[in-house]
Amino acid sequence: MTLSIQLPPEEQALLETLAQRTGRQQSELMRQAVRELCQKMLREQAVATPYELGKDLFGAGHLASAPSDPLKRKIWKKLHEKHQRNLG
């Protein structure tokens, strides 16, 4: 696949200098740079997913107990009956 990009003059100069010093082609250096950047970003994303950040917290809690206020408890019971939940 062919991909064309425009580099600012300072980045083009850096690429040309590196190509001359290493004896490698500019396209080879660009392919390596893209590959390394993509691999780095994918590794960072794999570690920093929302699940990975909070997995030690998942399942750590418990369901709230029934409210002690009579009116709130009545509403709580109706909602649990409506959604067929076990009152415990």
Protein backbone atom coordinates (compact mmCIF):
# COMPACT_ATOMS: atom_id res chain seq x y z
CA MET A 1 0.00 0.00 0.00
CA THR A 2 1.32 3.41 -0.89
CA LEU A 3 0.82 6.25 1.56
CA SER A 4 1.99 9.79 0.97
CA ILE A 5 2.59 12.23 3.77
CA GLN A 6 3.91 15.77 3.93
CA LEU A 7 6.47 16.50 6.60
CA PRO A 8 7.35 19.95 7.84
CA PRO A 9 10.83 21.03 6.68
CA GLU A 10 12.44 20.39 10.08
CA GLU A 11 11.09 16.82 10.25
CA GLN A 12 12.14 16.18 6.63
CA ALA A 13 15.66 17.39 7.49
CA LEU A 14 15.79 15.07 10.51
CA LEU A 15 14.70 12.11 8.40
CA GLU A 16 17.24 12.89 5.66
CA THR A 17 20.04 13.27 8.21
CA LEU A 18 19.17 9.96 9.89
CA ALA A 19 18.94 8.18 6.54
CA GLN A 20 22.38 9.46 5.54
CA ARG A 21 23.97 8.57 8.88
CA THR A 22 22.49 5.07 9.04
CA GLY A 23 22.66 4.25 5.34
CA ARG A 24 18.99 3.28 5.37
CA GLN A 25 16.23 4.49 3.08
CA GLN A 26 13.79 7.11 4.34
CA SER A 27 10.83 4.85 3.60
CA GLU A 28 12.42 2.08 5.67
CA LEU A 29 12.89 4.46 8.60
CA MET A 30 9.29 5.68 8.29
CA ARG A 31 7.93 2.11 8.27
CA GLN A 32 9.94 1.29 11.38
CA ALA A 33 8.76 4.48 13.12
CA VAL A 34 5.09 3.75 12.33
CA ARG A 35 5.43 0.12 13.45
CA GLU A 36 7.12 1.04 16.74
CA LEU A 37 4.65 3.83 17.51
CA CYS A 38 1.62 1.62 16.81
CA GLN A 39 3.00 -1.24 18.92
CA LYS A 40 3.75 1.13 21.80
CA MET A 41 0.28 2.70 21.70
CA LEU A 42 -1.44 -0.70 21.50
CA ARG A 43 0.53 -1.95 24.53
CA GLU A 44 -0.39 1.16 26.51
CA GLN A 45 -4.06 0.81 25.62
CA ALA A 46 -4.12 -2.88 26.48
CA VAL A 47 -2.87 -2.14 29.98
CA ALA A 48 -4.97 0.94 30.57
CA THR A 49 -8.44 -0.33 29.64
CA PRO A 50 -11.20 0.69 32.04
CA TYR A 51 -11.63 -2.95 33.03
CA GLU A 52 -7.94 -3.40 33.79
CA LEU A 53 -7.90 -0.22 35.90
CA GLY A 54 -10.87 -1.32 38.03
CA LYS A 55 -10.84 -5.11 37.94
CA ASP A 56 -9.80 -5.37 41.59
CA LEU A 57 -12.96 -3.44 42.52
CA PHE A 58 -15.49 -5.43 40.50
CA GLY A 59 -17.61 -7.72 42.65
CA ALA A 60 -16.14 -6.27 45.83
CA GLY A 61 -19.41 -4.70 46.97
CA HIS A 62 -22.70 -6.07 48.20
CA LEU A 63 -26.34 -5.28 47.61
CA ALA A 64 -27.88 -2.63 49.78
CA SER A 65 -30.17 -3.83 52.54
CA ALA A 66 -33.83 -2.92 52.65
CA PRO A 67 -34.53 0.61 53.90
CA SER A 68 -35.74 0.99 57.47
CA ASP A 69 -38.21 3.79 56.68
CA PRO A 70 -41.66 2.13 56.22
CA LEU A 71 -42.62 4.12 53.11
CA LYS A 72 -39.25 3.58 51.45
CA ARG A 73 -39.35 -0.11 52.37
CA LYS A 74 -42.78 -0.47 50.76
CA ILE A 75 -41.48 1.13 47.54
CA TRP A 76 -38.37 -1.07 47.72
CA LYS A 77 -40.53 -4.21 48.02
CA LYS A 78 -42.75 -3.17 45.08
CA LEU A 79 -39.72 -2.56 42.89
CA HIS A 80 -38.20 -5.90 43.80
CA GLU A 81 -41.50 -7.69 43.13
CA LYS A 82 -41.81 -5.90 39.81
CA HIS A 83 -38.32 -6.98 38.77
CA GLN A 84 -38.68 -10.43 40.38
CA ARG A 85 -35.68 -10.08 42.66
CA ASN A 86 -35.07 -12.17 45.70
CA LEU A 87 -35.57 -10.13 48.89
CA GLY A 88 -33.24 -12.38 50.83
